């Protein structure tokens, strides 16, 4: 007796997708510290926003904490996450003589430096970002209280009431929606024509590239699955981009187990992408799950090729690490 034939399904795989250079650097930093110094290695906050990655590193000996006071005194490595931290955190680590390693993404550090330069030049800084996100908390924590104002929307721009309008500058979170941010920036520049913009856009290359790939694929498919964790800003933005590009169904899942087959049961063309902190193994598991139910044909849709690389933190490189 022959098995019933599976219905056909075309999968359009977005490229670029998944890990960016900053995420690779941060994960490698934890693994290198474990290799050099053994377990435990402490990590303040999730090293990147992905449950699979965090659990994998935890099994290898990483201990994740939210604050430094959860870490016992001693000489164990303490790694700051890719999202960046307020200045008070490394200062506190230094006071306790901790072996601190900063795995902040260099593109986030760039935003920190921009904010500091503006402040030194007497400008009030406007930060476009999502309240409470660790990257935003870290960026705001680079400057004294009151020196930086957080906004999230065009409506927030309208509510701004700075003391002066001739000394303003803005920076942005690196993982925002490109289109949403463009609208907020336009509103800022319309209301405050003298506001100073970043020399180069703060939204990182990986966020931009992954959104562009989704924009290409979303109008061509019946549904889009974004592999990533709910607390991952760039993953959430990918889902929103797919919806706005006209895709009938767009969902964010940690992995194959979270697929809602009532939504994806009758599709004929599916787009798949992954947030910048989601490993490729989870994408493969999602494809395998569809292959159990469909006769799958996979086609990769590439919008740009990425070749960005960031070296490990100095404490973990070559002779310095030895």
Protein backbone atom coordinates (compact mmCIF):
# COMPACT_ATOMS: atom_id res chain seq x y z
CA UNK A 1 0.00 0.00 0.00
CA UNK A 2 1.52 3.31 -1.05
CA UNK A 3 1.62 6.20 1.36
CA UNK A 4 -0.67 9.11 0.50
CA UNK A 5 1.17 11.82 -1.40
CA UNK A 6 1.97 15.02 0.41
CA UNK A 7 0.70 18.36 -0.86
CA UNK A 8 3.39 20.55 -2.44
CA UNK A 9 4.91 23.49 -0.55
CA UNK A 10 7.35 26.05 -1.86
CA UNK A 11 9.54 27.52 0.89
CA UNK A 12 11.23 30.85 0.18
CA UNK A 13 14.15 31.13 2.58
CA UNK A 14 15.19 34.72 3.28
CA UNK A 15 18.88 35.62 3.11
CA UNK A 16 20.42 37.18 5.04
CA UNK A 17 18.81 35.68 8.16
CA UNK A 18 19.95 34.54 11.58
CA UNK A 19 23.15 35.38 13.39
CA UNK A 20 24.80 38.76 12.84
CA UNK A 21 28.45 39.57 13.55
CA UNK A 22 27.67 41.11 16.96
CA UNK A 23 25.77 38.00 18.08
CA UNK A 24 28.51 35.66 16.86
CA UNK A 25 31.09 37.74 18.77
CA UNK A 26 29.04 37.67 21.99
CA UNK A 27 28.39 33.93 21.91
CA UNK A 28 32.02 33.22 21.00
CA UNK A 29 33.09 35.40 23.94
CA UNK A 30 31.19 33.22 26.41
CA UNK A 31 32.44 29.99 24.85
CA UNK A 32 36.05 31.26 24.72
CA UNK A 33 35.88 32.36 28.37
CA UNK A 34 34.59 28.90 29.33
CA UNK A 35 37.43 27.26 27.38
CA UNK A 36 40.10 29.47 28.95
CA UNK A 37 38.80 29.75 32.51
CA UNK A 38 36.37 26.88 32.99
CA UNK A 39 32.93 27.06 34.56
CA UNK A 40 31.27 29.03 35.90
CA UNK A 41 31.40 32.09 33.69
CA UNK A 42 28.88 34.72 34.75
CA UNK A 43 26.86 36.65 32.16
CA UNK A 44 24.92 39.77 33.07
CA UNK A 45 21.55 39.51 31.29
CA UNK A 46 20.95 37.07 28.42
CA UNK A 47 24.05 37.26 26.22
CA UNK A 48 21.67 37.53 23.23
CA UNK A 49 17.89 37.33 23.16
CA UNK A 50 17.41 33.70 22.20
CA UNK A 51 16.20 30.95 24.52
CA UNK A 52 17.97 28.16 22.63
CA UNK A 53 21.32 29.96 22.72
CA UNK A 54 21.02 30.86 26.40
CA UNK A 55 20.07 27.30 27.42
CA UNK A 56 22.92 25.86 25.33
CA UNK A 57 25.47 28.13 27.04
CA UNK A 58 23.94 27.40 30.45
CA UNK A 59 24.55 23.68 29.91
CA UNK A 60 28.21 24.47 29.16
CA UNK A 61 28.66 26.34 32.42
CA UNK A 62 27.44 29.91 31.86
CA UNK A 63 25.47 31.41 34.74
CA UNK A 64 23.05 34.17 33.75
CA UNK A 65 22.22 36.93 36.22
CA UNK A 66 20.37 40.21 35.96
CA UNK A 67 22.54 42.21 38.35
CA UNK A 68 26.14 42.06 39.56
CA UNK A 69 25.11 41.62 43.19
CA UNK A 70 23.95 38.10 42.29
CA UNK A 71 27.57 37.16 41.57
CA UNK A 72 29.78 35.98 44.47
CA UNK A 73 33.12 37.65 45.11
CA UNK A 74 36.05 36.04 43.33
CA UNK A 75 37.98 36.03 40.08
CA UNK A 76 35.43 34.35 37.81
CA UNK A 77 34.85 36.06 34.43
CA UNK A 78 31.80 38.34 34.23
CA UNK A 79 30.58 39.07 30.69
CA UNK A 80 28.35 41.98 29.73
CA UNK A 81 25.75 41.10 27.08
CA UNK A 82 25.70 42.19 23.43
CA UNK A 83 23.01 44.79 24.21
CA UNK A 84 25.36 47.01 26.23
CA UNK A 85 25.15 48.22 29.82
CA UNK A 86 24.89 51.56 31.64
CA UNK A 87 28.22 53.08 32.72
CA UNK A 88 27.38 52.29 36.33
CA UNK A 89 27.73 48.55 35.67
CA UNK A 90 31.42 48.39 34.63
CA UNK A 91 32.13 50.97 37.36
CA UNK A 92 30.57 48.67 39.96
CA UNK A 93 32.48 45.69 38.54
CA UNK A 94 35.73 47.63 38.81
CA UNK A 95 34.97 48.60 42.40
CA UNK A 96 34.49 44.92 43.25
CA UNK A 97 37.64 44.03 41.28
CA UNK A 98 35.69 41.69 39.02
CA UNK A 99 37.23 40.17 35.90
CA UNK A 100 34.82 41.95 33.55
CA UNK A 101 34.61 41.30 29.80
CA UNK A 102 32.48 43.60 27.66
CA UNK A 103 30.73 41.75 24.81
CA UNK A 104 28.66 44.77 23.78
CA UNK A 105 28.11 44.77 20.02
CA UNK A 106 30.52 47.33 18.46
CA UNK A 107 27.57 48.90 16.63
CA UNK A 108 25.84 49.52 19.96
CA UNK A 109 29.08 50.94 21.35
CA UNK A 110 29.11 53.30 18.36
CA UNK A 111 25.74 54.70 19.50
CA UNK A 112 27.08 55.08 23.06
CA UNK A 113 30.06 57.08 21.78
CA UNK A 114 27.81 59.28 19.63
CA UNK A 115 25.62 60.10 22.63
CA UNK A 116 28.68 60.95 24.73
CA UNK A 117 30.12 63.25 22.05
CA UNK A 118 26.83 65.12 21.72
CA UNK A 119 26.64 65.54 25.48
CA UNK A 120 30.21 66.86 25.68
CA UNK A 121 29.32 69.39 22.97
CA UNK A 122 26.40 70.70 25.00
CA UNK A 123 23.61 69.00 23.06
CA UNK A 124 20.53 67.36 24.52
CA UNK A 125 20.19 63.83 23.11
CA UNK A 126 16.94 62.33 21.82
CA UNK A 127 17.01 58.51 21.75
CA UNK A 128 14.58 56.70 19.45
CA UNK A 129 13.96 53.26 20.94
CA UNK A 130 11.74 50.93 22.95
CA UNK A 131 11.40 51.72 26.64
CA UNK A 132 12.82 49.00 28.89
CA UNK A 133 14.81 47.22 26.20
CA UNK A 134 18.31 46.42 27.56
CA UNK A 135 19.99 48.28 24.70
CA UNK A 136 17.96 51.41 25.47
CA UNK A 137 18.69 51.10 29.20
CA UNK A 138 22.39 50.81 28.38
CA UNK A 139 22.43 53.79 26.02
CA UNK A 140 20.52 56.03 28.42
CA UNK A 141 22.93 54.98 31.13
CA UNK A 142 25.89 56.47 29.26
CA UNK A 143 24.81 60.00 30.19
CA UNK A 144 23.79 61.77 33.39
CA UNK A 145 20.11 61.74 34.33
CA UNK A 146 18.14 64.26 32.30
CA UNK A 147 20.71 64.48 29.50
CA UNK A 148 18.84 62.09 27.21
CA UNK A 149 15.14 61.79 26.33
CA UNK A 150 13.57 58.58 25.03
CA UNK A 151 10.89 58.66 22.34
CA UNK A 152 9.17 55.78 20.54
CA UNK A 153 6.77 57.32 18.03
CA UNK A 154 5.77 60.27 15.89
CA UNK A 155 3.27 61.16 18.63
CA UNK A 156 6.14 61.35 21.12
CA UNK A 157 7.88 63.86 18.84
CA UNK A 158 4.82 66.09 18.98
CA UNK A 159 4.87 65.96 22.79
CA UNK A 160 8.53 66.96 23.11
CA UNK A 161 9.14 70.29 24.88
CA UNK A 162 12.91 70.83 25.07
CA UNK A 163 14.27 73.90 26.86
CA UNK A 164 16.14 74.84 23.66
CA UNK A 165 15.66 73.78 20.05
CA UNK A 166 19.10 74.75 18.78
CA UNK A 167 21.14 72.18 20.71
CA UNK A 168 19.43 68.86 19.91
CA UNK A 169 20.85 65.62 18.48
CA UNK A 170 19.35 62.17 18.04
CA UNK A 171 20.54 58.57 18.12
CA UNK A 172 18.57 55.34 17.72
CA UNK A 173 18.37 51.81 19.02
CA UNK A 174 20.11 49.51 16.52
CA UNK A 175 17.26 46.98 16.11
CA UNK A 176 14.28 49.15 15.16
CA UNK A 177 11.95 48.97 12.18
CA UNK A 178 13.65 50.88 9.38
CA UNK A 179 10.35 52.28 8.11
CA UNK A 180 8.99 53.25 11.54
CA UNK A 181 12.24 54.97 12.44
CA UNK A 182 12.30 56.85 9.15
CA UNK A 183 8.89 58.33 10.02
CA UNK A 184 10.01 59.35 13.53
CA UNK A 185 13.22 60.91 12.19
CA UNK A 186 11.22 62.83 9.56
CA UNK A 187 8.94 64.19 12.29
CA UNK A 188 11.95 65.18 14.44
CA UNK A 189 13.64 66.99 11.55
CA UNK A 190 10.41 68.74 10.54
CA UNK A 191 9.83 70.02 14.07
CA UNK A 192 13.48 70.72 14.91
CA UNK A 193 15.28 71.56 11.63
CA UNK A 194 18.61 72.14 13.41
CA UNK A 195 18.70 68.71 15.10
CA UNK A 196 21.97 66.81 14.53
CA UNK A 197 21.64 63.36 12.94
CA UNK A 198 24.10 60.44 13.17
CA UNK A 199 26.91 60.54 10.58
CA UNK A 200 25.81 57.04 9.61
CA UNK A 201 22.43 55.50 10.40
CA UNK A 202 22.37 53.81 13.82
CA UNK A 203 20.06 50.95 12.82
CA UNK A 204 22.56 48.17 12.23
CA UNK A 205 23.31 46.54 8.90
CA UNK A 206 21.90 43.18 10.04
CA UNK A 207 18.55 44.62 11.10
CA UNK A 208 18.25 46.52 7.82
CA UNK A 209 19.30 43.56 5.66
CA UNK A 210 16.93 41.09 7.32
CA UNK A 211 14.00 43.49 6.96
CA UNK A 212 14.77 44.07 3.29
CA UNK A 213 14.81 40.30 2.63
CA UNK A 214 11.42 39.91 4.31
CA UNK A 215 10.01 42.79 2.25
CA UNK A 216 11.10 40.94 -0.90
CA UNK A 217 9.56 37.60 0.12
CA UNK A 218 6.40 38.53 2.07
CA UNK A 219 4.24 39.64 -0.91
CA UNK A 220 5.02 36.34 -2.69
CA UNK A 221 3.87 33.89 -0.01
CA UNK A 222 0.79 32.78 1.95
CA UNK A 223 2.56 33.01 5.28
CA UNK A 224 5.85 34.00 6.93
CA UNK A 225 7.48 32.33 9.91
CA UNK A 226 10.10 34.30 11.81
CA UNK A 227 12.33 32.13 13.96
CA UNK A 228 13.30 34.06 17.08
CA UNK A 229 12.45 34.74 20.71
CA UNK A 230 9.61 37.07 21.76
CA UNK A 231 12.02 39.34 23.67
CA UNK A 232 14.18 39.81 20.57
CA UNK A 233 13.49 43.30 19.20
CA UNK A 234 14.82 42.64 15.71
CA UNK A 235 12.79 39.40 15.47
CA UNK A 236 9.58 41.17 16.44
CA UNK A 237 10.29 43.83 13.82
CA UNK A 238 10.66 41.12 11.12
CA UNK A 239 7.18 39.84 11.93
CA UNK A 240 5.77 43.37 11.70
CA UNK A 241 7.56 43.99 8.40
CA UNK A 242 6.04 40.82 6.93
CA UNK A 243 2.54 41.90 7.97
CA UNK A 244 2.97 45.38 6.51
CA UNK A 245 4.32 43.95 3.27
CA UNK A 246 0.97 42.24 2.75
CA UNK A 247 1.58 38.72 4.03
CA UNK A 248 -1.74 37.17 5.20
CA UNK A 249 -0.17 35.31 8.15
CA UNK A 250 3.05 36.26 9.94
CA UNK A 251 4.12 34.62 13.18
CA UNK A 252 7.16 34.60 15.46
CA UNK A 253 8.18 31.20 16.89
CA UNK A 254 11.05 30.02 19.06
CA UNK A 255 11.18 26.83 17.02
CA UNK A 256 9.24 24.07 15.28
CA UNK A 257 7.25 23.08 18.39
CA UNK A 258 5.50 26.45 18.42
CA UNK A 259 4.14 26.27 14.86
CA UNK A 260 0.35 26.71 14.86
CA UNK A 261 -0.66 24.23 12.18
CA UNK A 262 -4.20 25.61 12.12
CA UNK A 263 -2.70 28.78 10.61
CA UNK A 264 -0.11 27.14 8.38
CA UNK A 265 -1.94 23.91 7.48
CA UNK A 266 -3.26 24.87 4.05
CA UNK A 267 -0.52 27.07 2.62
CA UNK A 268 1.24 26.55 -0.71
CA UNK A 269 4.05 29.12 -0.41
CA UNK A 270 5.85 29.88 2.85
CA UNK A 271 8.51 32.46 3.71
CA UNK A 272 10.98 31.68 6.51
CA UNK A 273 13.49 34.00 8.15
CA UNK A 274 15.29 34.23 11.48
CA UNK A 275 16.16 37.08 13.81
CA UNK A 276 19.78 38.11 14.30
CA UNK A 277 20.09 36.07 17.51
CA UNK A 278 18.43 32.87 16.22
CA UNK A 279 20.70 29.93 15.26
CA UNK A 280 20.35 28.20 11.89
CA UNK A 281 19.63 24.83 13.55
CA UNK A 282 16.20 26.18 14.55
CA UNK A 283 15.47 27.20 10.95
CA UNK A 284 16.39 23.68 9.83
CA UNK A 285 14.04 22.19 12.42
CA UNK A 286 11.19 24.35 11.11
CA UNK A 287 11.86 23.24 7.53
CA UNK A 288 11.99 19.59 8.69
CA UNK A 289 8.63 20.01 10.44
CA UNK A 290 7.03 21.22 7.21
CA UNK A 291 8.77 18.46 5.25
CA UNK A 292 6.96 15.88 7.39
CA UNK A 293 3.63 17.26 6.17
CA UNK A 294 4.45 18.59 2.71
CA UNK A 295 6.47 17.80 -0.37
CA UNK A 296 8.85 20.68 0.22
CA UNK A 297 10.89 22.60 -2.36
CA UNK A 298 13.25 25.17 -0.82
CA UNK A 299 14.46 28.25 -2.67
CA UNK A 300 16.77 30.85 -1.10
CA UNK A 301 15.99 34.49 -1.86
CA UNK A 302 19.15 36.56 -1.33
CA UNK A 303 19.07 40.36 -1.21
CA UNK A 304 22.66 41.00 -0.06
CA UNK A 305 25.71 39.03 1.05
CA UNK A 306 27.10 39.84 4.50
CA UNK A 307 30.79 39.58 5.36
CA UNK A 308 31.01 41.64 8.57
CA UNK A 309 33.30 40.30 11.30
CA UNK A 310 34.03 41.63 14.80
CA UNK A 311 37.05 40.36 16.77
CA UNK A 312 36.61 39.00 20.29
CA UNK A 313 36.97 41.34 23.29
CA UNK A 314 40.65 42.05 23.92
CA UNK A 315 40.75 39.94 27.12
CA UNK A 316 39.91 36.82 25.11
CA UNK A 317 42.26 37.28 22.15
CA UNK A 318 45.54 35.41 21.58
CA UNK A 319 48.35 36.20 24.01
CA UNK A 320 46.18 38.53 26.10
CA UNK A 321 43.87 35.60 26.89
CA UNK A 322 46.75 33.28 27.75
